[in-house]
Amino acid sequence: YLCKRPASNDNYYPAFNQPNVTLIDVAETRGLERLTEKGF
């Protein structure tokens, strides 16, 4: 606790149950590989 700023929200976790929301976890790659003209 307090390694990062604590937050609170009632709608953040439920958002990931929606089909139009995707989590891109970049912990292993320590960030995105790159950006392109059209996206990432």
PDB file of all heavy atoms in Angstrom:
ATOM      1  N   TYR A   1       0.838  -1.188   0.000  1.00  0.00           N
ATOM      2  CA  TYR A   1       0.000   0.000   0.000  1.00  0.00           C
ATOM      3  C   TYR A   1       0.879   1.247   0.000  1.00  0.00           C
ATOM      4  O   TYR A   1       1.887   1.303   0.688  1.00  0.00           O
ATOM      5  CB  TYR A   1      -0.904  -0.025   1.235  1.00  0.00           C
ATOM      6  CG  TYR A   1      -1.676   1.247   1.460  1.00  0.00           C
ATOM      7  CD1 TYR A   1      -2.775   1.565   0.665  1.00  0.00           C
ATOM      8  CD2 TYR A   1      -1.313   2.131   2.464  1.00  0.00           C
ATOM      9  CE1 TYR A   1      -3.476   2.735   0.861  1.00  0.00           C
ATOM     10  CE2 TYR A   1      -2.017   3.302   2.678  1.00  0.00           C
ATOM     11  CZ  TYR A   1      -3.103   3.607   1.872  1.00  0.00           C
ATOM     12  OH  TYR A   1      -3.787   4.768   2.077  1.00  0.00           O
ATOM     13  N   LEU A   2       0.501   2.237  -0.805  1.00  0.00           N
ATOM     14  CA  LEU A   2       1.204   3.509  -1.001  1.00  0.00           C
ATOM     15  C   LEU A   2       2.450   3.386  -1.873  1.00  0.00           C
ATOM     16  O   LEU A   2       3.219   4.330  -1.965  1.00  0.00           O
ATOM     17  CB  LEU A   2       1.554   4.201   0.324  1.00  0.00           C
ATOM     18  CG  LEU A   2       0.403   4.954   0.994  1.00  0.00           C
ATOM     19  CD1 LEU A   2       0.915   5.704   2.216  1.00  0.00           C
ATOM     20  CD2 LEU A   2      -0.297   5.918   0.040  1.00  0.00           C
ATOM     21  N   CYS A   3       2.663   2.231  -2.504  1.00  0.00           N
ATOM     22  CA  CYS A   3       3.663   2.207  -3.567  1.00  0.00           C
ATOM     23  C   CYS A   3       3.149   3.004  -4.770  1.00  0.00           C
ATOM     24  O   CYS A   3       3.928   3.551  -5.539  1.00  0.00           O
ATOM     25  CB  CYS A   3       3.973   0.776  -3.988  1.00  0.00           C
ATOM     26  SG  CYS A   3       5.115  -0.087  -2.891  1.00  0.00           S
ATOM     27  N   LYS A   4       1.834   3.024  -4.944  1.00  0.00           N
ATOM     28  CA  LYS A   4       1.182   3.864  -5.936  1.00  0.00           C
ATOM     29  C   LYS A   4       0.051   4.618  -5.241  1.00  0.00           C
ATOM     30  O   LYS A   4      -0.417   4.207  -4.180  1.00  0.00           O
ATOM     31  CB  LYS A   4       0.609   3.026  -7.088  1.00  0.00           C
ATOM     32  CG  LYS A   4       1.644   2.552  -8.087  1.00  0.00           C
ATOM     33  CD  LYS A   4       1.020   1.674  -9.165  1.00  0.00           C
ATOM     34  CE  LYS A   4       0.036   2.399 -10.042  1.00  0.00           C
ATOM     35  NZ  LYS A   4       0.688   3.336 -10.979  1.00  0.00           N
ATOM     36  N   ARG A   5      -0.352   5.707  -5.848  1.00  0.00           N
ATOM     37  CA  ARG A   5      -1.425   6.513  -5.264  1.00  0.00           C
ATOM     38  C   ARG A   5      -2.725   5.696  -5.220  1.00  0.00           C
ATOM     39  O   ARG A   5      -3.180   5.205  -6.256  1.00  0.00           O
ATOM     40  CB  ARG A   5      -1.637   7.787  -6.076  1.00  0.00           C
ATOM     41  CG  ARG A   5      -2.666   8.739  -5.477  1.00  0.00           C
ATOM     42  CD  ARG A   5      -2.748  10.028  -6.264  1.00  0.00           C
ATOM     43  NE  ARG A   5      -3.725  10.945  -5.670  1.00  0.00           N
ATOM     44  CZ  ARG A   5      -3.441  11.795  -4.680  1.00  0.00           C
ATOM     45  NH1 ARG A   5      -2.211  11.853  -4.200  1.00  0.00           N
ATOM     46  NH2 ARG A   5      -4.381  12.589  -4.179  1.00  0.00           N
ATOM     47  N   PRO A   6      -3.341   5.553  -4.053  1.00  0.00           N
ATOM     48  CA  PRO A   6      -4.594   4.792  -3.961  1.00  0.00           C
ATOM     49  C   PRO A   6      -5.722   5.489  -4.719  1.00  0.00           C
ATOM     50  O   PRO A   6      -5.773   6.716  -4.804  1.00  0.00           O
ATOM     51  CB  PRO A   6      -4.891   4.766  -2.456  1.00  0.00           C
ATOM     52  CG  PRO A   6      -3.607   5.129  -1.779  1.00  0.00           C
ATOM     53  CD  PRO A   6      -2.890   6.031  -2.730  1.00  0.00           C
ATOM     54  N   ALA A   7      -6.621   4.700  -5.254  1.00  0.00           N
ATOM     55  CA  ALA A   7      -7.761   5.236  -5.990  1.00  0.00           C
ATOM     56  C   ALA A   7      -9.038   4.546  -5.524  1.00  0.00           C
ATOM     57  O   ALA A   7      -8.994   3.528  -4.801  1.00  0.00           O
ATOM     58  CB  ALA A   7      -7.573   5.035  -7.492  1.00  0.00           C
ATOM     59  N   SER A   8     -10.162   5.101  -5.935  1.00  0.00           N
ATOM     60  CA  SER A   8     -11.451   4.463  -5.649  1.00  0.00           C
ATOM     61  C   SER A   8     -12.391   4.773  -6.802  1.00  0.00           C
ATOM     62  O   SER A   8     -12.401   5.892  -7.323  1.00  0.00           O
ATOM     63  CB  SER A   8     -12.034   4.944  -4.318  1.00  0.00           C
ATOM     64  OG  SER A   8     -12.184   6.351  -4.287  1.00  0.00           O
ATOM     65  N   ASN A   9     -13.166   3.773  -7.203  1.00  0.00           N
ATOM     66  CA  ASN A   9     -14.100   3.950  -8.310  1.00  0.00           C
ATOM     67  C   ASN A   9     -15.033   2.747  -8.346  1.00  0.00           C
ATOM     68  O   ASN A   9     -14.600   1.613  -8.180  1.00  0.00           O
ATOM     69  CB  ASN A   9     -13.345   4.078  -9.637  1.00  0.00           C
ATOM     70  CG  ASN A   9     -14.214   4.605 -10.756  1.00  0.00           C
ATOM     71  OD1 ASN A   9     -15.078   3.901 -11.278  1.00  0.00           O
ATOM     72  ND2 ASN A   9     -14.003   5.864 -11.112  1.00  0.00           N
ATOM     73  N   ASP A  10     -16.307   3.013  -8.567  1.00  0.00           N
ATOM     74  CA  ASP A  10     -17.293   1.927  -8.578  1.00  0.00           C
ATOM     75  C   ASP A  10     -17.519   1.337  -9.966  1.00  0.00           C
ATOM     76  O   ASP A  10     -18.149   0.280 -10.088  1.00  0.00           O
ATOM     77  CB  ASP A  10     -18.631   2.428  -8.022  1.00  0.00           C
ATOM     78  CG  ASP A  10     -18.536   2.833  -6.560  1.00  0.00           C
ATOM     79  OD1 ASP A  10     -17.730   2.230  -5.828  1.00  0.00           O
ATOM     80  OD2 ASP A  10     -19.259   3.770  -6.154  1.00  0.00           O
ATOM     81  N   ASN A  11     -17.000   1.982 -11.010  1.00  0.00           N
ATOM     82  CA  ASN A  11     -17.327   1.569 -12.376  1.00  0.00           C
ATOM     83  C   ASN A  11     -16.124   1.102 -13.190  1.00  0.00           C
ATOM     84  O   ASN A  11     -16.297   0.671 -14.334  1.00  0.00           O
ATOM     85  CB  ASN A  11     -17.996   2.741 -13.113  1.00  0.00           C
ATOM     86  CG  ASN A  11     -19.258   3.210 -12.411  1.00  0.00           C
ATOM     87  OD1 ASN A  11     -20.124   2.401 -12.063  1.00  0.00           O
ATOM     88  ND2 ASN A  11     -19.369   4.510 -12.166  1.00  0.00           N
ATOM     89  N   TYR A  12     -14.925   1.173 -12.606  1.00  0.00           N
ATOM     90  CA  TYR A  12     -13.730   0.830 -13.375  1.00  0.00           C
ATOM     91  C   TYR A  12     -13.666  -0.676 -13.659  1.00  0.00           C
ATOM     92  O   TYR A  12     -13.575  -1.088 -14.823  1.00  0.00           O
ATOM     93  CB  TYR A  12     -12.475   1.282 -12.619  1.00  0.00           C
ATOM     94  CG  TYR A  12     -11.184   1.044 -13.376  1.00  0.00           C
ATOM     95  CD1 TYR A  12     -10.799   1.872 -14.416  1.00  0.00           C
ATOM     96  CD2 TYR A  12     -10.341  -0.008 -13.033  1.00  0.00           C
ATOM     97  CE1 TYR A  12      -9.609   1.663 -15.105  1.00  0.00           C
ATOM     98  CE2 TYR A  12      -9.146  -0.225 -13.708  1.00  0.00           C
ATOM     99  CZ  TYR A  12      -8.784   0.607 -14.746  1.00  0.00           C
ATOM    100  OH  TYR A  12      -7.610   0.387 -15.424  1.00  0.00           O
ATOM    101  N   TYR A  13     -13.709  -1.497 -12.634  1.00  0.00           N
ATOM    102  CA  TYR A  13     -13.621  -2.943 -12.861  1.00  0.00           C
ATOM    103  C   TYR A  13     -14.780  -3.479 -13.696  1.00  0.00           C
ATOM    104  O   TYR A  13     -14.554  -4.268 -14.641  1.00  0.00           O
ATOM    105  CB  TYR A  13     -13.536  -3.682 -11.529  1.00  0.00           C
ATOM    106  CG  TYR A  13     -12.229  -3.494 -10.793  1.00  0.00           C
ATOM    107  CD1 TYR A  13     -12.193  -3.348  -9.412  1.00  0.00           C
ATOM    108  CD2 TYR A  13     -11.014  -3.458 -11.476  1.00  0.00           C
ATOM    109  CE1 TYR A  13     -10.991  -3.177  -8.722  1.00  0.00           C
ATOM    110  CE2 TYR A  13      -9.812  -3.286 -10.811  1.00  0.00           C
ATOM    111  CZ  TYR A  13      -9.810  -3.146  -9.428  1.00  0.00           C
ATOM    112  OH  TYR A  13      -8.623  -2.974  -8.759  1.00  0.00           O
ATOM    113  N   PRO A  14     -16.036  -3.080 -13.447  1.00  0.00           N
ATOM    114  CA  PRO A  14     -17.122  -3.576 -14.303  1.00  0.00           C
ATOM    115  C   PRO A  14     -16.953  -3.221 -15.777  1.00  0.00           C
ATOM    116  O   PRO A  14     -17.477  -3.928 -16.645  1.00  0.00           O
ATOM    117  CB  PRO A  14     -18.364  -2.895 -13.707  1.00  0.00           C
ATOM    118  CG  PRO A  14     -18.018  -2.671 -12.267  1.00  0.00           C
ATOM    119  CD  PRO A  14     -16.556  -2.333 -12.288  1.00  0.00           C
ATOM    120  N   ALA A  15     -16.224  -2.147 -16.070  1.00  0.00           N
ATOM    121  CA  ALA A  15     -16.029  -1.765 -17.477  1.00  0.00           C
ATOM    122  C   ALA A  15     -15.364  -2.876 -18.276  1.00  0.00           C
ATOM    123  O   ALA A  15     -15.614  -3.023 -19.481  1.00  0.00           O
ATOM    124  CB  ALA A  15     -15.196  -0.489 -17.559  1.00  0.00           C
ATOM    125  N   PHE A  16     -14.527  -3.688 -17.611  1.00  0.00           N
ATOM    126  CA  PHE A  16     -13.805  -4.736 -18.329  1.00  0.00           C
ATOM    127  C   PHE A  16     -14.681  -5.952 -18.632  1.00  0.00           C
ATOM    128  O   PHE A  16     -14.222  -6.894 -19.290  1.00  0.00           O
ATOM    129  CB  PHE A  16     -12.554  -5.134 -17.543  1.00  0.00           C
ATOM    130  CG  PHE A  16     -11.509  -4.049 -17.528  1.00  0.00           C
ATOM    131  CD1 PHE A  16     -11.455  -3.136 -16.488  1.00  0.00           C
ATOM    132  CD2 PHE A  16     -10.615  -3.921 -18.575  1.00  0.00           C
ATOM    133  CE1 PHE A  16     -10.509  -2.127 -16.479  1.00  0.00           C
ATOM    134  CE2 PHE A  16      -9.675  -2.902 -18.582  1.00  0.00           C
ATOM    135  CZ  PHE A  16      -9.620  -1.992 -17.532  1.00  0.00           C
ATOM    136  N   ASN A  17     -15.923  -5.919 -18.190  1.00  0.00           N
ATOM    137  CA  ASN A  17     -16.875  -6.955 -18.584  1.00  0.00           C
ATOM    138  C   ASN A  17     -17.615  -6.583 -19.865  1.00  0.00           C
ATOM    139  O   ASN A  17     -18.400  -7.387 -20.380  1.00  0.00           O
ATOM    140  CB  ASN A  17     -17.887  -7.204 -17.457  1.00  0.00           C
ATOM    141  CG  ASN A  17     -17.245  -7.893 -16.272  1.00  0.00           C
ATOM    142  OD1 ASN A  17     -16.304  -8.678 -16.424  1.00  0.00           O
ATOM    143  ND2 ASN A  17     -17.744  -7.609 -15.075  1.00  0.00           N
ATOM    144  N   GLN A  18     -17.365  -5.387 -20.364  1.00  0.00           N
ATOM    145  CA  GLN A  18     -18.000  -4.958 -21.608  1.00  0.00           C
ATOM    146  C   GLN A  18     -17.207  -5.467 -22.807  1.00  0.00           C
ATOM    147  O   GLN A  18     -15.958  -5.468 -22.789  1.00  0.00           O
ATOM    148  CB  GLN A  18     -18.098  -3.426 -21.659  1.00  0.00           C
ATOM    149  CG  GLN A  18     -18.970  -2.833 -20.571  1.00  0.00           C
ATOM    150  CD  GLN A  18     -19.054  -1.314 -20.662  1.00  0.00           C
ATOM    151  OE1 GLN A  18     -19.295  -0.638 -19.677  1.00  0.00           O
ATOM    152  NE2 GLN A  18     -18.866  -0.768 -21.865  1.00  0.00           N
ATOM    153  N   PRO A  19     -17.886  -5.864 -23.881  1.00  0.00           N
ATOM    154  CA  PRO A  19     -17.176  -6.404 -25.052  1.00  0.00           C
ATOM    155  C   PRO A  19     -16.328  -5.367 -25.789  1.00  0.00           C
ATOM    156  O   PRO A  19     -15.433  -5.741 -26.559  1.00  0.00           O
ATOM    157  CB  PRO A  19     -18.312  -6.915 -25.944  1.00  0.00           C
ATOM    158  CG  PRO A  19     -19.518  -6.140 -25.512  1.00  0.00           C
ATOM    159  CD  PRO A  19     -19.351  -5.907 -24.045  1.00  0.00           C
ATOM    160  N   ASN A  20     -16.575  -4.082 -25.551  1.00  0.00           N
ATOM    161  CA  ASN A  20     -15.829  -3.036 -26.263  1.00  0.00           C
ATOM    162  C   ASN A  20     -14.633  -2.515 -25.459  1.00  0.00           C
ATOM    163  O   ASN A  20     -14.050  -1.488 -25.821  1.00  0.00           O
ATOM    164  CB  ASN A  20     -16.755  -1.865 -26.603  1.00  0.00           C
ATOM    165  CG  ASN A  20     -17.272  -1.149 -25.361  1.00  0.00           C
ATOM    166  OD1 ASN A  20     -17.502  -1.784 -24.333  1.00  0.00           O
ATOM    167  ND2 ASN A  20     -17.460   0.154 -25.444  1.00  0.00           N
ATOM    168  N   VAL A  21     -14.271  -3.199 -24.376  1.00  0.00           N
ATOM    169  CA  VAL A  21     -13.144  -2.774 -23.536  1.00  0.00           C
ATOM    170  C   VAL A  21     -12.133  -3.912 -23.454  1.00  0.00           C
ATOM    171  O   VAL A  21     -12.482  -5.048 -23.086  1.00  0.00           O
ATOM    172  CB  VAL A  21     -13.602  -2.373 -22.126  1.00  0.00           C
ATOM    173  CG1 VAL A  21     -12.403  -1.976 -21.266  1.00  0.00           C
ATOM    174  CG2 VAL A  21     -14.609  -1.226 -22.200  1.00  0.00           C
ATOM    175  N   THR A  22     -10.873  -3.601 -23.786  1.00  0.00           N
ATOM    176  CA  THR A  22      -9.804  -4.601 -23.784  1.00  0.00           C
ATOM    177  C   THR A  22      -8.619  -4.086 -22.982  1.00  0.00           C
ATOM    178  O   THR A  22      -8.154  -2.965 -23.215  1.00  0.00           O
ATOM    179  CB  THR A  22      -9.338  -4.917 -25.220  1.00  0.00           C
ATOM    180  OG1 THR A  22     -10.452  -5.360 -25.985  1.00  0.00           O
ATOM    181  CG2 THR A  22      -8.242  -5.977 -25.219  1.00  0.00           C
ATOM    182  N   LEU A  23      -8.147  -4.890 -22.061  1.00  0.00           N
ATOM    183  CA  LEU A  23      -6.942  -4.543 -21.305  1.00  0.00           C
ATOM    184  C   LEU A  23      -5.713  -5.001 -22.081  1.00  0.00           C
ATOM    185  O   LEU A  23      -5.616  -6.170 -22.482  1.00  0.00           O
ATOM    186  CB  LEU A  23      -6.959  -5.206 -19.925  1.00  0.00           C
ATOM    187  CG  LEU A  23      -5.754  -4.906 -19.030  1.00  0.00           C
ATOM    188  CD1 LEU A  23      -5.777  -3.449 -18.567  1.00  0.00           C
ATOM    189  CD2 LEU A  23      -5.720  -5.834 -17.811  1.00  0.00           C
ATOM    190  N   ILE A  24      -4.773  -4.091 -22.301  1.00  0.00           N
ATOM    191  CA  ILE A  24      -3.488  -4.417 -22.915  1.00  0.00           C
ATOM    192  C   ILE A  24      -2.439  -4.329 -21.816  1.00  0.00           C
ATOM    193  O   ILE A  24      -2.037  -3.243 -21.407  1.00  0.00           O
ATOM    194  CB  ILE A  24      -3.142  -3.448 -24.065  1.00  0.00           C
ATOM    195  CG1 ILE A  24      -4.261  -3.420 -25.110  1.00  0.00           C
ATOM    196  CG2 ILE A  24      -1.806  -3.807 -24.689  1.00  0.00           C
ATOM    197  CD1 ILE A  24      -4.446  -4.718 -25.860  1.00  0.00           C
ATOM    198  N   ASP A  25      -2.022  -5.474 -21.303  1.00  0.00           N
ATOM    199  CA  ASP A  25      -1.082  -5.522 -20.184  1.00  0.00           C
ATOM    200  C   ASP A  25       0.348  -5.537 -20.720  1.00  0.00           C
ATOM    201  O   ASP A  25       0.767  -6.500 -21.365  1.00  0.00           O
ATOM    202  CB  ASP A  25      -1.353  -6.778 -19.348  1.00  0.00           C
ATOM    203  CG  ASP A  25      -0.493  -6.836 -18.092  1.00  0.00           C
ATOM    204  OD1 ASP A  25       0.152  -5.820 -17.780  1.00  0.00           O
ATOM    205  OD2 ASP A  25      -0.468  -7.897 -17.440  1.00  0.00           O
ATOM    206  N   VAL A  26       1.089  -4.456 -20.468  1.00  0.00           N
ATOM    207  CA  VAL A  26       2.442  -4.322 -21.024  1.00  0.00           C
ATOM    208  C   VAL A  26       3.518  -4.476 -19.944  1.00  0.00           C
ATOM    209  O   VAL A  26       4.646  -4.014 -20.117  1.00  0.00           O
ATOM    210  CB  VAL A  26       2.609  -2.962 -21.749  1.00  0.00           C
ATOM    211  CG1 VAL A  26       1.656  -2.870 -22.925  1.00  0.00           C
ATOM    212  CG2 VAL A  26       2.407  -1.795 -20.785  1.00  0.00           C
ATOM    213  N   ALA A  27       3.168  -5.133 -18.836  1.00  0.00           N
ATOM    214  CA  ALA A  27       4.152  -5.311 -17.767  1.00  0.00           C
ATOM    215  C   ALA A  27       5.368  -6.092 -18.250  1.00  0.00           C
ATOM    216  O   ALA A  27       6.519  -5.720 -17.983  1.00  0.00           O
ATOM    217  CB  ALA A  27       3.504  -6.024 -16.576  1.00  0.00           C
ATOM    218  N   GLU A  28       5.128  -7.176 -18.962  1.00  0.00           N
ATOM    219  CA  GLU A  28       6.224  -8.042 -19.388  1.00  0.00           C
ATOM    220  C   GLU A  28       7.116  -7.350 -20.403  1.00  0.00           C
ATOM    221  O   GLU A  28       8.334  -7.542 -20.415  1.00  0.00           O
ATOM    222  CB  GLU A  28       5.651  -9.342 -19.982  1.00  0.00           C
ATOM    223  CG  GLU A  28       6.626 -10.500 -19.958  1.00  0.00           C
ATOM    224  CD  GLU A  28       6.981 -10.943 -18.551  1.00  0.00           C
ATOM    225  OE1 GLU A  28       6.082 -11.081 -17.709  1.00  0.00           O
ATOM    226  OE2 GLU A  28       8.196 -11.145 -18.290  1.00  0.00           O
ATOM    227  N   THR A  29       6.519  -6.547 -21.273  1.00  0.00           N
ATOM    228  CA  THR A  29       7.286  -5.860 -22.309  1.00  0.00           C
ATOM    229  C   THR A  29       7.722  -4.462 -21.865  1.00  0.00           C
ATOM    230  O   THR A  29       8.373  -3.745 -22.626  1.00  0.00           O
ATOM    231  CB  THR A  29       6.446  -5.736 -23.596  1.00  0.00           C
ATOM    232  OG1 THR A  29       5.202  -5.107 -23.281  1.00  0.00           O
ATOM    233  CG2 THR A  29       6.174  -7.115 -24.175  1.00  0.00           C
ATOM    234  N   ARG A  30       7.344  -4.080 -20.654  1.00  0.00           N
ATOM    235  CA  ARG A  30       7.691  -2.768 -20.076  1.00  0.00           C
ATOM    236  C   ARG A  30       7.263  -1.611 -20.975  1.00  0.00           C
ATOM    237  O   ARG A  30       7.940  -0.603 -21.086  1.00  0.00           O
ATOM    238  CB  ARG A  30       9.195  -2.688 -19.782  1.00  0.00           C
ATOM    239  CG  ARG A  30       9.674  -3.678 -18.716  1.00  0.00           C
ATOM    240  CD  ARG A  30      11.179  -3.604 -18.554  1.00  0.00           C
ATOM    241  NE  ARG A  30      11.649  -4.409 -17.433  1.00  0.00           N
ATOM    242  CZ  ARG A  30      11.943  -5.703 -17.495  1.00  0.00           C
ATOM    243  NH1 ARG A  30      11.788  -6.346 -18.650  1.00  0.00           N
ATOM    244  NH2 ARG A  30      12.363  -6.361 -16.431  1.00  0.00           N
ATOM    245  N   GLY A  31       6.120  -1.768 -21.589  1.00  0.00           N
ATOM    246  CA  GLY A  31       5.584  -0.710 -22.444  1.00  0.00           C
ATOM    247  C   GLY A  31       5.213  -1.249 -23.810  1.00  0.00           C
ATOM    248  O   GLY A  31       5.475  -2.416 -24.147  1.00  0.00           O
ATOM    249  N   LEU A  32       4.570  -0.396 -24.602  1.00  0.00           N
ATOM    250  CA  LEU A  32       4.218  -0.784 -25.967  1.00  0.00           C
ATOM    251  C   LEU A  32       5.479  -0.941 -26.818  1.00  0.00           C
ATOM    252  O   LEU A  32       6.484  -0.264 -26.595  1.00  0.00           O
ATOM    253  CB  LEU A  32       3.314   0.271 -26.607  1.00  0.00           C
ATOM    254  CG  LEU A  32       1.894   0.393 -26.057  1.00  0.00           C
ATOM    255  CD1 LEU A  32       1.166   1.534 -26.758  1.00  0.00           C
ATOM    256  CD2 LEU A  32       1.120  -0.911 -26.237  1.00  0.00           C
ATOM    257  N   GLU A  33       5.385  -1.810 -27.799  1.00  0.00           N
ATOM    258  CA  GLU A  33       6.522  -2.025 -28.700  1.00  0.00           C
ATOM    259  C   GLU A  33       6.787  -0.772 -29.527  1.00  0.00           C
ATOM    260  O   GLU A  33       7.920  -0.295 -29.611  1.00  0.00           O
ATOM    261  CB  GLU A  33       6.234  -3.218 -29.608  1.00  0.00           C
ATOM    262  CG  GLU A  33       7.387  -3.599 -30.512  1.00  0.00           C
ATOM    263  CD  GLU A  33       7.068  -4.855 -31.314  1.00  0.00           C
ATOM    264  OE1 GLU A  33       6.318  -5.717 -30.813  1.00  0.00           O
ATOM    265  OE2 GLU A  33       7.581  -4.954 -32.453  1.00  0.00           O
ATOM    266  N   ARG A  34       5.721  -0.219 -30.130  1.00  0.00           N
ATOM    267  CA  ARG A  34       5.877   1.009 -30.903  1.00  0.00           C
ATOM    268  C   ARG A  34       4.497   1.493 -31.356  1.00  0.00           C
ATOM    269  O   ARG A  34       3.495   0.774 -31.258  1.00  0.00           O
ATOM    270  CB  ARG A  34       6.768   0.784 -32.121  1.00  0.00           C
ATOM    271  CG  ARG A  34       6.177  -0.110 -33.199  1.00  0.00           C
ATOM    272  CD  ARG A  34       7.152  -0.331 -34.342  1.00  0.00           C
ATOM    273  NE  ARG A  34       6.560  -1.091 -35.443  1.00  0.00           N
ATOM    274  CZ  ARG A  34       6.483  -2.408 -35.477  1.00  0.00           C
ATOM    275  NH1 ARG A  34       6.972  -3.113 -34.470  1.00  0.00           N
ATOM    276  NH2 ARG A  34       5.926  -3.017 -36.524  1.00  0.00           N
ATOM    277  N   LEU A  35       4.477   2.720 -31.834  1.00  0.00           N
ATOM    278  CA  LEU A  35       3.301   3.260 -32.507  1.00  0.00           C
ATOM    279  C   LEU A  35       3.541   3.241 -34.011  1.00  0.00           C
ATOM    280  O   LEU A  35       4.682   3.357 -34.474  1.00  0.00           O
ATOM    281  CB  LEU A  35       3.021   4.689 -32.052  1.00  0.00           C
ATOM    282  CG  LEU A  35       2.530   4.868 -30.617  1.00  0.00           C
ATOM    283  CD1 LEU A  35       2.429   6.347 -30.267  1.00  0.00           C
ATOM    284  CD2 LEU A  35       1.184   4.195 -30.393  1.00  0.00           C
ATOM    285  N   THR A  36       2.467   3.103 -34.753  1.00  0.00           N
ATOM    286  CA  THR A  36       2.532   3.154 -36.212  1.00  0.00           C
ATOM    287  C   THR A  36       1.632   4.301 -36.692  1.00  0.00           C
ATOM    288  O   THR A  36       1.022   5.000 -35.884  1.00  0.00           O
ATOM    289  CB  THR A  36       2.050   1.834 -36.831  1.00  0.00           C
ATOM    290  OG1 THR A  36       0.636   1.676 -36.548  1.00  0.00           O
ATOM    291  CG2 THR A  36       2.819   0.648 -36.260  1.00  0.00           C
ATOM    292  N   GLU A  37       1.534   4.479 -37.980  1.00  0.00           N
ATOM    293  CA  GLU A  37       0.648   5.510 -38.514  1.00  0.00           C
ATOM    294  C   GLU A  37      -0.806   5.249 -38.121  1.00  0.00           C
ATOM    295  O   GLU A  37      -1.585   6.180 -37.922  1.00  0.00           O
ATOM    296  CB  GLU A  37       0.759   5.585 -40.031  1.00  0.00           C
ATOM    297  CG  GLU A  37       2.074   6.153 -40.534  1.00  0.00           C
ATOM    298  CD  GLU A  37       2.061   6.380 -42.028  1.00  0.00           C
ATOM    299  OE1 GLU A  37       0.995   6.091 -42.656  1.00  0.00           O
ATOM    300  OE2 GLU A  37       3.067   6.860 -42.581  1.00  0.00           O
ATOM    301  N   LYS A  38      -1.160   3.969 -37.971  1.00  0.00           N
ATOM    302  CA  LYS A  38      -2.560   3.612 -37.752  1.00  0.00           C
ATOM    303  C   LYS A  38      -2.891   3.204 -36.324  1.00  0.00           C
ATOM    304  O   LYS A  38      -4.079   3.094 -35.987  1.00  0.00           O
ATOM    305  CB  LYS A  38      -2.947   2.466 -38.702  1.00  0.00           C
ATOM    306  CG  LYS A  38      -2.879   2.827 -40.170  1.00  0.00           C
ATOM    307  CD  LYS A  38      -3.303   1.644 -41.032  1.00  0.00           C
ATOM    308  CE  LYS A  38      -3.287   2.012 -42.521  1.00  0.00           C
ATOM    309  NZ  LYS A  38      -3.711   0.853 -43.354  1.00  0.00           N
ATOM    310  N   GLY A  39      -1.872   2.942 -35.491  1.00  0.00           N
ATOM    311  CA  GLY A  39      -2.190   2.458 -34.156  1.00  0.00           C
ATOM    312  C   GLY A  39      -0.958   2.098 -33.362  1.00  0.00           C
ATOM    313  O   GLY A  39       0.081   2.761 -33.461  1.00  0.00           O
ATOM    314  N   PHE A  40      -1.054   1.018 -32.590  1.00  0.00           N
ATOM    315  CA  PHE A  40       0.069   0.600 -31.747  1.00  0.00           C
ATOM    316  C   PHE A  40       0.346  -0.889 -31.939  1.00  0.00           C
ATOM    317  O   PHE A  40      -0.525  -1.656 -32.377  1.00  0.00           O
ATOM    318  CB  PHE A  40      -0.214   0.902 -30.269  1.00  0.00           C
ATOM    319  CG  PHE A  40      -1.370   0.139 -29.665  1.00  0.00           C
ATOM    320  CD1 PHE A  40      -1.182  -1.122 -29.098  1.00  0.00           C
ATOM    321  CD2 PHE A  40      -2.652   0.684 -29.635  1.00  0.00           C
ATOM    322  CE1 PHE A  40      -2.239  -1.814 -28.534  1.00  0.00           C
ATOM    323  CE2 PHE A  40      -3.718   0.014 -29.060  1.00  0.00           C
ATOM    324  CZ  PHE A  40      -3.511  -1.253 -28.516  1.00  0.00           C
TER     325      PHE A  40
END
